[in-house]
Amino acid sequence: MNPNKITLPEAQQLVDQWIKTIGVRYFSELTNLAILTEEVGELARILARTYGDQSFKKSDEGGDLADEMADVLWVLICLANQTGVDLNEAFLKNMEKKTNRDKDRHQNNEKLK
């Protein structure tokens, strides 16, 4: 495993190893779903203030976009591990689905030109 690059299977294995050695055990799937929602909200707050129309509040200072994205990914990986989802396989299948479904759709969308 290259310490500067990681594949999805390696990330799933790394998270699982961390949970079992440092984290004691996985939180329940429903708890992790709630945590995922919370983390997505924190990511949304930074994006809304950085790229949207909202201004930063004092309590928003120190927000780190990359760290919030990593938090979302972490919890998503936990849920994948708990439910037996191979994220690499799922992602590749999803890309194929999107490509087949949308191969002409976006090219022909006048709103995108």
PDB file of N, CA and C in Angstrom:
ATOM      1  N   MET A   1       0.847  -1.176   0.000  1.00  0.00           N
ATOM      2  CA  MET A   1       0.000   0.000   0.000  1.00  0.00           C
ATOM      3  C   MET A   1       0.895   1.242   0.000  1.00  0.00           C
ATOM      4  N   ASN A   2       0.742   2.062  -1.029  1.00  0.00           N
ATOM      5  CA  ASN A   2       1.472   3.323  -1.136  1.00  0.00           C
ATOM      6  C   ASN A   2       0.873   4.311  -0.140  1.00  0.00           C
ATOM      7  N   PRO A   3       1.675   4.887   0.752  1.00  0.00           N
ATOM      8  CA  PRO A   3       1.119   5.797   1.764  1.00  0.00           C
ATOM      9  C   PRO A   3       0.560   7.088   1.178  1.00  0.00           C
ATOM     10  N   ASN A   4       0.909   7.406  -0.078  1.00  0.00           N
ATOM     11  CA  ASN A   4       0.430   8.639  -0.698  1.00  0.00           C
ATOM     12  C   ASN A   4      -0.766   8.432  -1.615  1.00  0.00           C
ATOM     13  N   LYS A   5      -1.050   7.187  -1.945  1.00  0.00           N
ATOM     14  CA  LYS A   5      -2.199   6.854  -2.788  1.00  0.00           C
ATOM     15  C   LYS A   5      -2.851   5.614  -2.219  1.00  0.00           C
ATOM     16  N   ILE A   6      -4.159   5.532  -2.379  1.00  0.00           N
ATOM     17  CA  ILE A   6      -4.878   4.392  -1.820  1.00  0.00           C
ATOM     18  C   ILE A   6      -6.048   4.058  -2.744  1.00  0.00           C
ATOM     19  N   THR A   7      -6.293   2.787  -2.942  1.00  0.00           N
ATOM     20  CA  THR A   7      -7.436   2.352  -3.737  1.00  0.00           C
ATOM     21  C   THR A   7      -8.658   2.245  -2.825  1.00  0.00           C
ATOM     22  N   LEU A   8      -9.814   2.135  -3.428  1.00  0.00           N
ATOM     23  CA  LEU A   8     -11.019   1.938  -2.618  1.00  0.00           C
ATOM     24  C   LEU A   8     -10.956   0.655  -1.794  1.00  0.00           C
ATOM     25  N   PRO A   9     -10.530  -0.492  -2.381  1.00  0.00           N
ATOM     26  CA  PRO A   9     -10.414  -1.689  -1.543  1.00  0.00           C
ATOM     27  C   PRO A   9      -9.435  -1.500  -0.383  1.00  0.00           C
ATOM     28  N   GLU A  10      -8.326  -0.803  -0.636  1.00  0.00           N
ATOM     29  CA  GLU A  10      -7.371  -0.546   0.436  1.00  0.00           C
ATOM     30  C   GLU A  10      -7.976   0.355   1.508  1.00  0.00           C
ATOM     31  N   ALA A  11      -8.754   1.344   1.074  1.00  0.00           N
ATOM     32  CA  ALA A  11      -9.410   2.235   2.040  1.00  0.00           C
ATOM     33  C   ALA A  11     -10.396   1.451   2.896  1.00  0.00           C
ATOM     34  N   GLN A  12     -11.157   0.562   2.281  1.00  0.00           N
ATOM     35  CA  GLN A  12     -12.099  -0.246   3.046  1.00  0.00           C
ATOM     36  C   GLN A  12     -11.365  -1.126   4.050  1.00  0.00           C
ATOM     37  N   GLN A  13     -10.258  -1.701   3.629  1.00  0.00           N
ATOM     38  CA  GLN A  13      -9.470  -2.549   4.524  1.00  0.00           C
ATOM     39  C   GLN A  13      -8.850  -1.722   5.647  1.00  0.00           C
ATOM     40  N   LEU A  14      -8.339  -0.551   5.331  1.00  0.00           N
ATOM     41  CA  LEU A  14      -7.711   0.317   6.324  1.00  0.00           C
ATOM     42  C   LEU A  14      -8.710   0.765   7.385  1.00  0.00           C
ATOM     43  N   VAL A  15      -9.905   1.159   6.948  1.00  0.00           N
ATOM     44  CA  VAL A  15     -10.948   1.564   7.897  1.00  0.00           C
ATOM     45  C   VAL A  15     -11.343   0.387   8.776  1.00  0.00           C
ATOM     46  N   ASP A  16     -11.519  -0.779   8.179  1.00  0.00           N
ATOM     47  CA  ASP A  16     -11.898  -1.956   8.952  1.00  0.00           C
ATOM     48  C   ASP A  16     -10.836  -2.297  10.001  1.00  0.00           C
ATOM     49  N   GLN A  17      -9.586  -2.231   9.605  1.00  0.00           N
ATOM     50  CA  GLN A  17      -8.488  -2.497  10.531  1.00  0.00           C
ATOM     51  C   GLN A  17      -8.475  -1.471  11.672  1.00  0.00           C
ATOM     52  N   TRP A  18      -8.686  -0.209  11.345  1.00  0.00           N
ATOM     53  CA  TRP A  18      -8.703   0.843  12.364  1.00  0.00           C
ATOM     54  C   TRP A  18      -9.856   0.617  13.347  1.00  0.00           C
ATOM     55  N   ILE A  19     -11.032   0.332  12.807  1.00  0.00           N
ATOM     56  CA  ILE A  19     -12.209   0.105  13.661  1.00  0.00           C
ATOM     57  C   ILE A  19     -11.935  -1.043  14.627  1.00  0.00           C
ATOM     58  N   LYS A  20     -11.362  -2.118  14.128  1.00  0.00           N
ATOM     59  CA  LYS A  20     -11.158  -3.309  14.956  1.00  0.00           C
ATOM     60  C   LYS A  20     -10.008  -3.179  15.953  1.00  0.00           C
ATOM     61  N   THR A  21      -9.070  -2.259  15.709  1.00  0.00           N
ATOM     62  CA  THR A  21      -7.929  -2.137  16.612  1.00  0.00           C
ATOM     63  C   THR A  21      -7.993  -0.891  17.488  1.00  0.00           C
ATOM     64  N   ILE A  22      -8.571   0.188  16.998  1.00  0.00           N
ATOM     65  CA  ILE A  22      -8.614   1.449  17.741  1.00  0.00           C
ATOM     66  C   ILE A  22     -10.045   1.836  18.106  1.00  0.00           C
ATOM     67  N   GLY A  23     -10.953   1.608  17.193  1.00  0.00           N
ATOM     68  CA  GLY A  23     -12.335   2.030  17.393  1.00  0.00           C
ATOM     69  C   GLY A  23     -13.195   1.059  18.186  1.00  0.00           C
ATOM     70  N   VAL A  24     -12.669  -0.055  18.573  1.00  0.00           N
ATOM     71  CA  VAL A  24     -13.327  -1.117  19.346  1.00  0.00           C
ATOM     72  C   VAL A  24     -14.315  -1.902  18.486  1.00  0.00           C
ATOM     73  N   ARG A  25     -15.309  -1.224  17.910  1.00  0.00           N
ATOM     74  CA  ARG A  25     -16.283  -1.895  17.043  1.00  0.00           C
ATOM     75  C   ARG A  25     -16.982  -0.834  16.207  1.00  0.00           C
ATOM     76  N   TYR A  26     -17.670  -1.307  15.178  1.00  0.00           N
ATOM     77  CA  TYR A  26     -18.467  -0.393  14.363  1.00  0.00           C
ATOM     78  C   TYR A  26     -19.668   0.085  15.173  1.00  0.00           C
ATOM     79  N   PHE A  27     -20.058   1.339  14.973  1.00  0.00           N
ATOM     80  CA  PHE A  27     -21.353   1.791  15.466  1.00  0.00           C
ATOM     81  C   PHE A  27     -22.408   1.062  14.639  1.00  0.00           C
ATOM     82  N   SER A  28     -23.637   1.031  15.107  1.00  0.00           N
ATOM     83  CA  SER A  28     -24.694   0.386  14.323  1.00  0.00           C
ATOM     84  C   SER A  28     -24.873   1.121  12.996  1.00  0.00           C
ATOM     85  N   GLU A  29     -25.448   0.425  12.043  1.00  0.00           N
ATOM     86  CA  GLU A  29     -25.681   1.009  10.725  1.00  0.00           C
ATOM     87  C   GLU A  29     -26.538   2.274  10.815  1.00  0.00           C
ATOM     88  N   LEU A  30     -27.561   2.242  11.650  1.00  0.00           N
ATOM     89  CA  LEU A  30     -28.415   3.426  11.772  1.00  0.00           C
ATOM     90  C   LEU A  30     -27.687   4.584  12.439  1.00  0.00           C
ATOM     91  N   THR A  31     -26.823   4.284  13.410  1.00  0.00           N
ATOM     92  CA  THR A  31     -26.013   5.344  14.018  1.00  0.00           C
ATOM     93  C   THR A  31     -25.071   5.924  12.977  1.00  0.00           C
ATOM     94  N   ASN A  32     -24.452   5.067  12.178  1.00  0.00           N
ATOM     95  CA  ASN A  32     -23.561   5.565  11.139  1.00  0.00           C
ATOM     96  C   ASN A  32     -24.304   6.361  10.078  1.00  0.00           C
ATOM     97  N   LEU A  33     -25.541   6.000   9.791  1.00  0.00           N
ATOM     98  CA  LEU A  33     -26.341   6.794   8.864  1.00  0.00           C
ATOM     99  C   LEU A  33     -26.576   8.194   9.437  1.00  0.00           C
ATOM    100  N   ALA A  34     -26.873   8.278  10.712  1.00  0.00           N
ATOM    101  CA  ALA A  34     -27.065   9.579  11.358  1.00  0.00           C
ATOM    102  C   ALA A  34     -25.764  10.385  11.332  1.00  0.00           C
ATOM    103  N   ILE A  35     -24.646   9.718  11.593  1.00  0.00           N
ATOM    104  CA  ILE A  35     -23.342  10.398  11.562  1.00  0.00           C
ATOM    105  C   ILE A  35     -23.041  10.877  10.142  1.00  0.00           C
ATOM    106  N   LEU A  36     -23.346  10.049   9.137  1.00  0.00           N
ATOM    107  CA  LEU A  36     -23.136  10.444   7.741  1.00  0.00           C
ATOM    108  C   LEU A  36     -23.931  11.710   7.425  1.00  0.00           C
ATOM    109  N   THR A  37     -25.167  11.748   7.866  1.00  0.00           N
ATOM    110  CA  THR A  37     -26.009  12.916   7.639  1.00  0.00           C
ATOM    111  C   THR A  37     -25.401  14.150   8.293  1.00  0.00           C
ATOM    112  N   GLU A  38     -24.914  13.986   9.503  1.00  0.00           N
ATOM    113  CA  GLU A  38     -24.261  15.090  10.213  1.00  0.00           C
ATOM    114  C   GLU A  38     -23.024  15.576   9.452  1.00  0.00           C
ATOM    115  N   GLU A  39     -22.209  14.644   8.992  1.00  0.00           N
ATOM    116  CA  GLU A  39     -20.985  15.012   8.275  1.00  0.00           C
ATOM    117  C   GLU A  39     -21.301  15.697   6.952  1.00  0.00           C
ATOM    118  N   VAL A  40     -22.327  15.229   6.246  1.00  0.00           N
ATOM    119  CA  VAL A  40     -22.732  15.881   5.000  1.00  0.00           C
ATOM    120  C   VAL A  40     -23.208  17.307   5.300  1.00  0.00           C
ATOM    121  N   GLY A  41     -23.888  17.493   6.416  1.00  0.00           N
ATOM    122  CA  GLY A  41     -24.314  18.836   6.815  1.00  0.00           C
ATOM    123  C   GLY A  41     -23.134  19.758   7.067  1.00  0.00           C
ATOM    124  N   GLU A  42     -22.092  19.236   7.702  1.00  0.00           N
ATOM    125  CA  GLU A  42     -20.895  20.044   7.954  1.00  0.00           C
ATOM    126  C   GLU A  42     -20.210  20.405   6.636  1.00  0.00           C
ATOM    127  N   LEU A  43     -20.171  19.473   5.705  1.00  0.00           N
ATOM    128  CA  LEU A  43     -19.618  19.735   4.379  1.00  0.00           C
ATOM    129  C   LEU A  43     -20.459  20.792   3.660  1.00  0.00           C
ATOM    130  N   ALA A  44     -21.773  20.645   3.740  1.00  0.00           N
ATOM    131  CA  ALA A  44     -22.680  21.597   3.092  1.00  0.00           C
ATOM    132  C   ALA A  44     -22.499  23.009   3.653  1.00  0.00           C
ATOM    133  N   ARG A  45     -22.283  23.110   4.944  1.00  0.00           N
ATOM    134  CA  ARG A  45     -22.091  24.423   5.566  1.00  0.00           C
ATOM    135  C   ARG A  45     -20.877  25.127   4.964  1.00  0.00           C
ATOM    136  N   ILE A  46     -19.771  24.409   4.844  1.00  0.00           N
ATOM    137  CA  ILE A  46     -18.562  25.017   4.280  1.00  0.00           C
ATOM    138  C   ILE A  46     -18.785  25.406   2.821  1.00  0.00           C
ATOM    139  N   LEU A  47     -19.410  24.526   2.049  1.00  0.00           N
ATOM    140  CA  LEU A  47     -19.658  24.824   0.640  1.00  0.00           C
ATOM    141  C   LEU A  47     -20.605  26.007   0.471  1.00  0.00           C
ATOM    142  N   ALA A  48     -21.648  26.062   1.295  1.00  0.00           N
ATOM    143  CA  ALA A  48     -22.615  27.155   1.199  1.00  0.00           C
ATOM    144  C   ALA A  48     -21.972  28.498   1.525  1.00  0.00           C
ATOM    145  N   ARG A  49     -21.048  28.480   2.458  1.00  0.00           N
ATOM    146  CA  ARG A  49     -20.409  29.735   2.863  1.00  0.00           C
ATOM    147  C   ARG A  49     -19.272  30.119   1.918  1.00  0.00           C
ATOM    148  N   THR A  50     -18.597  29.125   1.355  1.00  0.00           N
ATOM    149  CA  THR A  50     -17.466  29.404   0.468  1.00  0.00           C
ATOM    150  C   THR A  50     -17.924  29.715  -0.953  1.00  0.00           C
ATOM    151  N   TYR A  51     -18.883  28.943  -1.461  1.00  0.00           N
ATOM    152  CA  TYR A  51     -19.291  29.074  -2.860  1.00  0.00           C
ATOM    153  C   TYR A  51     -20.711  29.591  -3.032  1.00  0.00           C
ATOM    154  N   GLY A  52     -21.482  29.605  -1.961  1.00  0.00           N
ATOM    155  CA  GLY A  52     -22.862  30.056  -2.039  1.00  0.00           C
ATOM    156  C   GLY A  52     -23.011  31.476  -1.545  1.00  0.00           C
ATOM    157  N   ASP A  53     -24.211  31.814  -1.210  1.00  0.00           N
ATOM    158  CA  ASP A  53     -24.543  33.184  -0.843  1.00  0.00           C
ATOM    159  C   ASP A  53     -24.437  33.470   0.647  1.00  0.00           C
ATOM    160  N   GLN A  54     -24.236  32.456   1.452  1.00  0.00           N
ATOM    161  CA  GLN A  54     -24.152  32.691   2.892  1.00  0.00           C
ATOM    162  C   GLN A  54     -22.763  33.184   3.271  1.00  0.00           C
ATOM    163  N   SER A  55     -22.720  33.976   4.325  1.00  0.00           N
ATOM    164  CA  SER A  55     -21.430  34.454   4.826  1.00  0.00           C
ATOM    165  C   SER A  55     -21.014  33.594   6.014  1.00  0.00           C
ATOM    166  N   PHE A  56     -19.724  33.607   6.287  1.00  0.00           N
ATOM    167  CA  PHE A  56     -19.199  32.839   7.406  1.00  0.00           C
ATOM    168  C   PHE A  56     -19.598  33.489   8.721  1.00  0.00           C
ATOM    169  N   LYS A  57     -19.884  32.645   9.699  1.00  0.00           N
ATOM    170  CA  LYS A  57     -20.127  33.097  11.070  1.00  0.00           C
ATOM    171  C   LYS A  57     -18.881  32.770  11.872  1.00  0.00           C
ATOM    172  N   LYS A  58     -18.782  33.372  13.036  1.00  0.00           N
ATOM    173  CA  LYS A  58     -17.634  33.123  13.913  1.00  0.00           C
ATOM    174  C   LYS A  58     -17.469  31.619  14.160  1.00  0.00           C
ATOM    175  N   SER A  59     -18.578  30.907  14.357  1.00  0.00           N
ATOM    176  CA  SER A  59     -18.521  29.476  14.652  1.00  0.00           C
ATOM    177  C   SER A  59     -18.070  28.639  13.451  1.00  0.00           C
ATOM    178  N   ASP A  60     -18.054  29.228  12.248  1.00  0.00           N
ATOM    179  CA  ASP A  60     -17.639  28.514  11.042  1.00  0.00           C
ATOM    180  C   ASP A  60     -16.132  28.565  10.831  1.00  0.00           C
ATOM    181  N   GLU A  61     -15.450  29.397  11.566  1.00  0.00           N
ATOM    182  CA  GLU A  61     -14.013  29.570  11.357  1.00  0.00           C
ATOM    183  C   GLU A  61     -13.282  28.250  11.600  1.00  0.00           C
ATOM    184  N   GLY A  62     -12.303  28.005  10.788  1.00  0.00           N
ATOM    185  CA  GLY A  62     -11.506  26.786  10.933  1.00  0.00           C
ATOM    186  C   GLY A  62     -12.067  25.596  10.187  1.00  0.00           C
ATOM    187  N   GLY A  63     -13.158  25.782   9.460  1.00  0.00           N
ATOM    188  CA  GLY A  63     -13.719  24.688   8.685  1.00  0.00           C
ATOM    189  C   GLY A  63     -12.777  24.290   7.566  1.00  0.00           C
ATOM    190  N   ASP A  64     -12.600  23.013   7.373  1.00  0.00           N
ATOM    191  CA  ASP A  64     -11.660  22.484   6.389  1.00  0.00           C
ATOM    192  C   ASP A  64     -12.424  21.613   5.400  1.00  0.00           C
ATOM    193  N   LEU A  65     -12.580  22.103   4.175  1.00  0.00           N
ATOM    194  CA  LEU A  65     -13.362  21.413   3.158  1.00  0.00           C
ATOM    195  C   LEU A  65     -12.867  19.984   2.920  1.00  0.00           C
ATOM    196  N   ALA A  66     -11.560  19.819   2.743  1.00  0.00           N
ATOM    197  CA  ALA A  66     -11.007  18.485   2.477  1.00  0.00           C
ATOM    198  C   ALA A  66     -11.248  17.544   3.649  1.00  0.00           C
ATOM    199  N   ASP A  67     -11.097  18.045   4.866  1.00  0.00           N
ATOM    200  CA  ASP A  67     -11.312  17.213   6.048  1.00  0.00           C
ATOM    201  C   ASP A  67     -12.770  16.784   6.152  1.00  0.00           C
ATOM    202  N   GLU A  68     -13.686  17.684   5.833  1.00  0.00           N
ATOM    203  CA  GLU A  68     -15.116  17.327   5.882  1.00  0.00           C
ATOM    204  C   GLU A  68     -15.454  16.300   4.810  1.00  0.00           C
ATOM    205  N   MET A  69     -14.852  16.423   3.636  1.00  0.00           N
ATOM    206  CA  MET A  69     -15.073  15.409   2.596  1.00  0.00           C
ATOM    207  C   MET A  69     -14.526  14.057   3.050  1.00  0.00           C
ATOM    208  N   ALA A  70     -13.371  14.076   3.701  1.00  0.00           N
ATOM    209  CA  ALA A  70     -12.787  12.831   4.207  1.00  0.00           C
ATOM    210  C   ALA A  70     -13.665  12.219   5.290  1.00  0.00           C
ATOM    211  N   ASP A  71     -14.284  13.045   6.134  1.00  0.00           N
ATOM    212  CA  ASP A  71     -15.205  12.525   7.154  1.00  0.00           C
ATOM    213  C   ASP A  71     -16.398  11.823   6.508  1.00  0.00           C
ATOM    214  N   VAL A  72     -16.934  12.418   5.448  1.00  0.00           N
ATOM    215  CA  VAL A  72     -18.059  11.799   4.725  1.00  0.00           C
ATOM    216  C   VAL A  72     -17.615  10.459   4.139  1.00  0.00           C
ATOM    217  N   LEU A  73     -16.452  10.452   3.521  1.00  0.00           N
ATOM    218  CA  LEU A  73     -15.933   9.212   2.929  1.00  0.00           C
ATOM    219  C   LEU A  73     -15.713   8.143   3.989  1.00  0.00           C
ATOM    220  N   TRP A  74     -15.163   8.525   5.129  1.00  0.00           N
ATOM    221  CA  TRP A  74     -14.912   7.589   6.235  1.00  0.00           C
ATOM    222  C   TRP A  74     -16.195   6.872   6.646  1.00  0.00           C
ATOM    223  N   VAL A  75     -17.240   7.633   6.898  1.00  0.00           N
ATOM    224  CA  VAL A  75     -18.493   7.028   7.369  1.00  0.00           C
ATOM    225  C   VAL A  75     -19.131   6.204   6.257  1.00  0.00           C
ATOM    226  N   LEU A  76     -19.033   6.656   5.017  1.00  0.00           N
ATOM    227  CA  LEU A  76     -19.561   5.878   3.904  1.00  0.00           C
ATOM    228  C   LEU A  76     -18.827   4.542   3.795  1.00  0.00           C
ATOM    229  N   ILE A  77     -17.518   4.570   3.989  1.00  0.00           N
ATOM    230  CA  ILE A  77     -16.743   3.323   3.974  1.00  0.00           C
ATOM    231  C   ILE A  77     -17.164   2.414   5.125  1.00  0.00           C
ATOM    232  N   CYS A  78     -17.396   2.984   6.296  1.00  0.00           N
ATOM    233  CA  CYS A  78     -17.882   2.176   7.423  1.00  0.00           C
ATOM    234  C   CYS A  78     -19.183   1.480   7.047  1.00  0.00           C
ATOM    235  N   LEU A  79     -20.119   2.220   6.477  1.00  0.00           N
ATOM    236  CA  LEU A  79     -21.404   1.628   6.090  1.00  0.00           C
ATOM    237  C   LEU A  79     -21.220   0.553   5.022  1.00  0.00           C
ATOM    238  N   ALA A  80     -20.328   0.790   4.067  1.00  0.00           N
ATOM    239  CA  ALA A  80     -20.060  -0.222   3.037  1.00  0.00           C
ATOM    240  C   ALA A  80     -19.502  -1.488   3.671  1.00  0.00           C
ATOM    241  N   ASN A  81     -18.556  -1.325   4.579  1.00  0.00           N
ATOM    242  CA  ASN A  81     -17.976  -2.488   5.246  1.00  0.00           C
ATOM    243  C   ASN A  81     -19.031  -3.264   6.029  1.00  0.00           C
ATOM    244  N   GLN A  82     -19.876  -2.543   6.726  1.00  0.00           N
ATOM    245  CA  GLN A  82     -20.893  -3.189   7.557  1.00  0.00           C
ATOM    246  C   GLN A  82     -21.930  -3.938   6.743  1.00  0.00           C
ATOM    247  N   THR A  83     -22.210  -3.446   5.547  1.00  0.00           N
ATOM    248  CA  THR A  83     -23.283  -4.034   4.743  1.00  0.00           C
ATOM    249  C   THR A  83     -22.765  -4.911   3.614  1.00  0.00           C
ATOM    250  N   GLY A  84     -21.447  -5.130   3.580  1.00  0.00           N
ATOM    251  CA  GLY A  84     -20.873  -6.023   2.585  1.00  0.00           C
ATOM    252  C   GLY A  84     -20.778  -5.455   1.183  1.00  0.00           C
ATOM    253  N   VAL A  85     -20.737  -4.145   1.060  1.00  0.00           N
ATOM    254  CA  VAL A  85     -20.640  -3.514  -0.255  1.00  0.00           C
ATOM    255  C   VAL A  85     -19.170  -3.314  -0.620  1.00  0.00           C
ATOM    256  N   ASP A  86     -18.790  -3.800  -1.782  1.00  0.00           N
ATOM    257  CA  ASP A  86     -17.465  -3.552  -2.346  1.00  0.00           C
ATOM    258  C   ASP A  86     -17.574  -2.226  -3.103  1.00  0.00           C
ATOM    259  N   LEU A  87     -17.028  -1.162  -2.530  1.00  0.00           N
ATOM    260  CA  LEU A  87     -17.175   0.166  -3.125  1.00  0.00           C
ATOM    261  C   LEU A  87     -16.523   0.268  -4.498  1.00  0.00           C
ATOM    262  N   ASN A  88     -15.429  -0.436  -4.711  1.00  0.00           N
ATOM    263  CA  ASN A  88     -14.776  -0.416  -6.015  1.00  0.00           C
ATOM    264  C   ASN A  88     -15.718  -0.972  -7.081  1.00  0.00           C
ATOM    265  N   GLU A  89     -16.262  -2.134  -6.804  1.00  0.00           N
ATOM    266  CA  GLU A  89     -17.200  -2.770  -7.737  1.00  0.00           C
ATOM    267  C   GLU A  89     -18.449  -1.907  -7.927  1.00  0.00           C
ATOM    268  N   ALA A  90     -18.981  -1.391  -6.831  1.00  0.00           N
ATOM    269  CA  ALA A  90     -20.192  -0.562  -6.901  1.00  0.00           C
ATOM    270  C   ALA A  90     -19.942   0.704  -7.715  1.00  0.00           C
ATOM    271  N   PHE A  91     -18.786   1.336  -7.502  1.00  0.00           N
ATOM    272  CA  PHE A  91     -18.468   2.562  -8.232  1.00  0.00           C
ATOM    273  C   PHE A  91     -18.338   2.291  -9.731  1.00  0.00           C
ATOM    274  N   LEU A  92     -17.637   1.218 -10.091  1.00  0.00           N
ATOM    275  CA  LEU A  92     -17.469   0.900 -11.504  1.00  0.00           C
ATOM    276  C   LEU A  92     -18.807   0.589 -12.172  1.00  0.00           C
ATOM    277  N   LYS A  93     -19.660  -0.150 -11.497  1.00  0.00           N
ATOM    278  CA  LYS A  93     -20.999  -0.441 -12.035  1.00  0.00           C
ATOM    279  C   LYS A  93     -21.812   0.840 -12.175  1.00  0.00           C
ATOM    280  N   ASN A  94     -21.688   1.741 -11.203  1.00  0.00           N
ATOM    281  CA  ASN A  94     -22.421   2.993 -11.241  1.00  0.00           C
ATOM    282  C   ASN A  94     -21.944   3.877 -12.394  1.00  0.00           C
ATOM    283  N   MET A  95     -20.633   3.898 -12.634  1.00  0.00           N
ATOM    284  CA  MET A  95     -20.098   4.677 -13.758  1.00  0.00           C
ATOM    285  C   MET A  95     -20.609   4.124 -15.086  1.00  0.00           C
ATOM    286  N   GLU A  96     -20.652   2.802 -15.190  1.00  0.00           N
ATOM    287  CA  GLU A  96     -21.172   2.179 -16.416  1.00  0.00           C
ATOM    288  C   GLU A  96     -22.642   2.531 -16.611  1.00  0.00           C
ATOM    289  N   LYS A  97     -23.422   2.479 -15.528  1.00  0.00           N
ATOM    290  CA  LYS A  97     -24.841   2.836 -15.600  1.00  0.00           C
ATOM    291  C   LYS A  97     -25.016   4.275 -16.064  1.00  0.00           C
ATOM    292  N   LYS A  98     -24.273   5.187 -15.464  1.00  0.00           N
ATOM    293  CA  LYS A  98     -24.378   6.602 -15.827  1.00  0.00           C
ATOM    294  C   LYS A  98     -23.962   6.835 -17.284  1.00  0.00           C
ATOM    295  N   THR A  99     -22.905   6.160 -17.701  1.00  0.00           N
ATOM    296  CA  THR A  99     -22.422   6.319 -19.071  1.00  0.00           C
ATOM    297  C   THR A  99     -23.464   5.836 -20.067  1.00  0.00           C
ATOM    298  N   ASN A 100     -24.020   4.668 -19.818  1.00  0.00           N
ATOM    299  CA  ASN A 100     -25.045   4.133 -20.729  1.00  0.00           C
ATOM    300  C   ASN A 100     -26.299   4.988 -20.735  1.00  0.00           C
ATOM    301  N   ARG A 101     -26.709   5.439 -19.577  1.00  0.00           N
ATOM    302  CA  ARG A 101     -27.936   6.217 -19.454  1.00  0.00           C
ATOM    303  C   ARG A 101     -27.784   7.628 -20.011  1.00  0.00           C
ATOM    304  N   ASP A 102     -26.627   8.227 -19.795  1.00  0.00           N
ATOM    305  CA  ASP A 102     -26.475   9.660 -20.066  1.00  0.00           C
ATOM    306  C   ASP A 102     -25.519   9.990 -21.207  1.00  0.00           C
ATOM    307  N   LYS A 103     -25.143   8.983 -22.010  1.00  0.00           N
ATOM    308  CA  LYS A 103     -24.118   9.232 -23.023  1.00  0.00           C
ATOM    309  C   LYS A 103     -24.481  10.367 -23.976  1.00  0.00           C
ATOM    310  N   ASP A 104     -25.754  10.574 -24.251  1.00  0.00           N
ATOM    311  CA  ASP A 104     -26.181  11.668 -25.134  1.00  0.00           C
ATOM    312  C   ASP A 104     -26.933  12.764 -24.392  1.00  0.00           C
ATOM    313  N   ARG A 105     -27.461  12.426 -23.252  1.00  0.00           N
ATOM    314  CA  ARG A 105     -28.352  13.332 -22.525  1.00  0.00           C
ATOM    315  C   ARG A 105     -27.714  14.693 -22.243  1.00  0.00           C
ATOM    316  N   HIS A 106     -26.526  14.717 -21.681  1.00  0.00           N
ATOM    317  CA  HIS A 106     -25.905  15.980 -21.298  1.00  0.00           C
ATOM    318  C   HIS A 106     -25.378  16.735 -22.503  1.00  0.00           C
ATOM    319  N   GLN A 107     -24.892  16.009 -23.525  1.00  0.00           N
ATOM    320  CA  GLN A 107     -24.412  16.648 -24.744  1.00  0.00           C
ATOM    321  C   GLN A 107     -25.537  17.399 -25.468  1.00  0.00           C
ATOM    322  N   ASN A 108     -26.755  16.887 -25.315  1.00  0.00           N
ATOM    323  CA  ASN A 108     -27.904  17.495 -26.004  1.00  0.00           C
ATOM    324  C   ASN A 108     -28.681  18.459 -25.118  1.00  0.00           C
ATOM    325  N   ASN A 109     -28.184  18.737 -23.939  1.00  0.00           N
ATOM    326  CA  ASN A 109     -28.875  19.619 -22.988  1.00  0.00           C
ATOM    327  C   ASN A 109     -28.489  21.067 -23.294  1.00  0.00           C
ATOM    328  N   GLU A 110     -29.419  21.818 -23.812  1.00  0.00           N
ATOM    329  CA  GLU A 110     -29.159  23.233 -24.158  1.00  0.00           C
ATOM    330  C   GLU A 110     -28.761  24.052 -22.934  1.00  0.00           C
ATOM    331  N   LYS A 111     -29.214  23.668 -21.763  1.00  0.00           N
ATOM    332  CA  LYS A 111     -28.896  24.401 -20.538  1.00  0.00           C
ATOM    333  C   LYS A 111     -27.411  24.316 -20.187  1.00  0.00           C
ATOM    334  N   LEU A 112     -26.732  23.307 -20.696  1.00  0.00           N
ATOM    335  CA  LEU A 112     -25.324  23.122 -20.379  1.00  0.00           C
ATOM    336  C   LEU A 112     -24.386  23.738 -21.413  1.00  0.00           C
ATOM    337  N   LYS A 113     -24.942  24.295 -22.451  1.00  0.00           N
ATOM    338  CA  LYS A 113     -24.089  24.867 -23.517  1.00  0.00           C
ATOM    339  C   LYS A 113     -23.875  26.330 -23.316  1.00  0.00           C
TER     340      LYS A 113
END
